[in-house]
């Protein structure tokens, strides 16, 4: 069976959040995607970046530090949306 592990495009490590996740071959990762339209400098390009949970936390902190926000939604609870905050250490 092929290993479904995703490799983080930032740290180049597998995107397993724990040994149990690795045992179950359950990857936990974020996917950054960009779709550029006709009038952008990147006319009709699509970009994608796979990010492990550790690198995502760093990226999230940077976005919030710059005054940005990240929107989230619980996929097991219909219509429950929230603003994403960094994990407490």
C-alpha atoms as a PDB file:
ATOM      1  CA  UNK A   1       0.000   0.000   0.000  1.00  0.00           C
ATOM      2  CA  UNK A   2       1.300   3.442  -0.914  1.00  0.00           C
ATOM      3  CA  UNK A   3       2.126   5.780   1.983  1.00  0.00           C
ATOM      4  CA  UNK A   4      -0.331   8.733   1.750  1.00  0.00           C
ATOM      5  CA  UNK A   5       1.960  11.048   3.783  1.00  0.00           C
ATOM      6  CA  UNK A   6       2.103  14.631   2.617  1.00  0.00           C
ATOM      7  CA  UNK A   7       5.478  16.352   2.826  1.00  0.00           C
ATOM      8  CA  UNK A   8       5.534  19.919   4.188  1.00  0.00           C
ATOM      9  CA  UNK A   9       6.740  22.384   1.559  1.00  0.00           C
ATOM     10  CA  UNK A  10       8.312  24.560   4.297  1.00  0.00           C
ATOM     11  CA  UNK A  11      10.228  22.128   6.561  1.00  0.00           C
ATOM     12  CA  UNK A  12      10.283  19.102   4.189  1.00  0.00           C
ATOM     13  CA  UNK A  13       8.970  16.729   6.914  1.00  0.00           C
ATOM     14  CA  UNK A  14       5.975  14.380   6.850  1.00  0.00           C
ATOM     15  CA  UNK A  15       2.693  15.962   7.956  1.00  0.00           C
ATOM     16  CA  UNK A  16       1.789  13.609  10.811  1.00  0.00           C
ATOM     17  CA  UNK A  17       0.715  15.369  14.009  1.00  0.00           C
ATOM     18  CA  UNK A  18       1.557  12.391  16.251  1.00  0.00           C
ATOM     19  CA  UNK A  19       2.893   8.835  16.244  1.00  0.00           C
ATOM     20  CA  UNK A  20      -0.694   7.575  16.466  1.00  0.00           C
ATOM     21  CA  UNK A  21      -1.599   9.586  13.355  1.00  0.00           C
ATOM     22  CA  UNK A  22       1.415   8.066  11.578  1.00  0.00           C
ATOM     23  CA  UNK A  23       0.382   4.567  12.661  1.00  0.00           C
ATOM     24  CA  UNK A  24      -3.105   5.179  11.241  1.00  0.00           C
ATOM     25  CA  UNK A  25      -1.574   6.928   8.182  1.00  0.00           C
ATOM     26  CA  UNK A  26      -3.710   9.979   8.927  1.00  0.00           C
ATOM     27  CA  UNK A  27      -1.991  13.120   7.673  1.00  0.00           C
ATOM     28  CA  UNK A  28      -2.796  16.463   9.260  1.00  0.00           C
ATOM     29  CA  UNK A  29      -1.874  19.365   7.024  1.00  0.00           C
ATOM     30  CA  UNK A  30      -2.969  22.719   5.680  1.00  0.00           C
ATOM     31  CA  UNK A  31      -3.107  23.508   1.992  1.00  0.00           C
ATOM     32  CA  UNK A  32      -2.395  27.053   0.872  1.00  0.00           C
ATOM     33  CA  UNK A  33      -3.855  27.646  -2.581  1.00  0.00           C
ATOM     34  CA  UNK A  34      -3.870  30.638  -4.871  1.00  0.00           C
ATOM     35  CA  UNK A  35      -5.965  31.094  -8.019  1.00  0.00           C
ATOM     36  CA  UNK A  36      -4.951  34.134 -10.072  1.00  0.00           C
ATOM     37  CA  UNK A  37      -7.353  35.754 -12.535  1.00  0.00           C
ATOM     38  CA  UNK A  38      -6.882  37.330 -15.935  1.00  0.00           C
ATOM     39  CA  UNK A  39      -5.977  40.793 -14.657  1.00  0.00           C
ATOM     40  CA  UNK A  40      -3.347  39.818 -12.076  1.00  0.00           C
ATOM     41  CA  UNK A  41       0.417  39.738 -12.604  1.00  0.00           C
ATOM     42  CA  UNK A  42       0.139  35.926 -12.393  1.00  0.00           C
ATOM     43  CA  UNK A  43      -2.458  35.619 -15.144  1.00  0.00           C
ATOM     44  CA  UNK A  44      -4.362  32.284 -14.900  1.00  0.00           C
ATOM     45  CA  UNK A  45      -1.789  30.583 -12.627  1.00  0.00           C
ATOM     46  CA  UNK A  46      -2.673  28.251  -9.737  1.00  0.00           C
ATOM     47  CA  UNK A  47      -0.270  27.716  -6.818  1.00  0.00           C
ATOM     48  CA  UNK A  48      -0.378  25.189  -3.955  1.00  0.00           C
ATOM     49  CA  UNK A  49       1.676  24.665  -0.793  1.00  0.00           C
ATOM     50  CA  UNK A  50       1.272  21.795   1.711  1.00  0.00           C
ATOM     51  CA  UNK A  51       2.042  22.888   5.300  1.00  0.00           C
ATOM     52  CA  UNK A  52       2.468  20.697   8.411  1.00  0.00           C
ATOM     53  CA  UNK A  53       0.747  21.690  11.666  1.00  0.00           C
ATOM     54  CA  UNK A  54       3.973  23.026  13.240  1.00  0.00           C
ATOM     55  CA  UNK A  55       4.764  25.280  10.280  1.00  0.00           C
ATOM     56  CA  UNK A  56       1.109  26.311  10.038  1.00  0.00           C
ATOM     57  CA  UNK A  57       1.227  27.625  13.611  1.00  0.00           C
ATOM     58  CA  UNK A  58       4.214  29.809  12.669  1.00  0.00           C
ATOM     59  CA  UNK A  59       2.488  31.040   9.507  1.00  0.00           C
ATOM     60  CA  UNK A  60      -0.727  31.744  11.434  1.00  0.00           C
ATOM     61  CA  UNK A  61       1.179  33.763  14.039  1.00  0.00           C
ATOM     62  CA  UNK A  62       2.818  35.780  11.233  1.00  0.00           C
ATOM     63  CA  UNK A  63      -0.528  36.489   9.533  1.00  0.00           C
ATOM     64  CA  UNK A  64      -2.050  37.678  12.822  1.00  0.00           C
ATOM     65  CA  UNK A  65       1.061  39.744  13.651  1.00  0.00           C
ATOM     66  CA  UNK A  66       0.637  41.532  10.303  1.00  0.00           C
ATOM     67  CA  UNK A  67      -2.970  42.389  11.253  1.00  0.00           C
ATOM     68  CA  UNK A  68      -4.560  39.729   9.062  1.00  0.00           C
ATOM     69  CA  UNK A  69      -7.109  37.087   9.963  1.00  0.00           C
ATOM     70  CA  UNK A  70      -7.825  33.485   9.106  1.00  0.00           C
ATOM     71  CA  UNK A  71     -11.390  32.217   8.972  1.00  0.00           C
ATOM     72  CA  UNK A  72     -12.296  28.691  10.069  1.00  0.00           C
ATOM     73  CA  UNK A  73     -15.257  26.365  10.178  1.00  0.00           C
ATOM     74  CA  UNK A  74     -15.831  23.140  12.098  1.00  0.00           C
ATOM     75  CA  UNK A  75     -16.455  20.519   9.454  1.00  0.00           C
ATOM     76  CA  UNK A  76     -18.332  18.250  11.878  1.00  0.00           C
ATOM     77  CA  UNK A  77     -20.741  21.001  12.994  1.00  0.00           C
ATOM     78  CA  UNK A  78     -22.821  22.598  10.254  1.00  0.00           C
ATOM     79  CA  UNK A  79     -22.479  26.377   9.859  1.00  0.00           C
ATOM     80  CA  UNK A  80     -20.300  26.930  12.946  1.00  0.00           C
ATOM     81  CA  UNK A  81     -17.658  29.430  11.836  1.00  0.00           C
ATOM     82  CA  UNK A  82     -14.942  31.120  13.893  1.00  0.00           C
ATOM     83  CA  UNK A  83     -11.813  33.241  13.650  1.00  0.00           C
ATOM     84  CA  UNK A  84      -8.669  31.126  13.997  1.00  0.00           C
ATOM     85  CA  UNK A  85      -6.283  31.926  16.864  1.00  0.00           C
ATOM     86  CA  UNK A  86      -2.814  30.441  17.570  1.00  0.00           C
ATOM     87  CA  UNK A  87      -2.631  27.320  19.745  1.00  0.00           C
ATOM     88  CA  UNK A  88      -1.766  27.914  23.385  1.00  0.00           C
ATOM     89  CA  UNK A  89       1.594  26.354  24.274  1.00  0.00           C
END
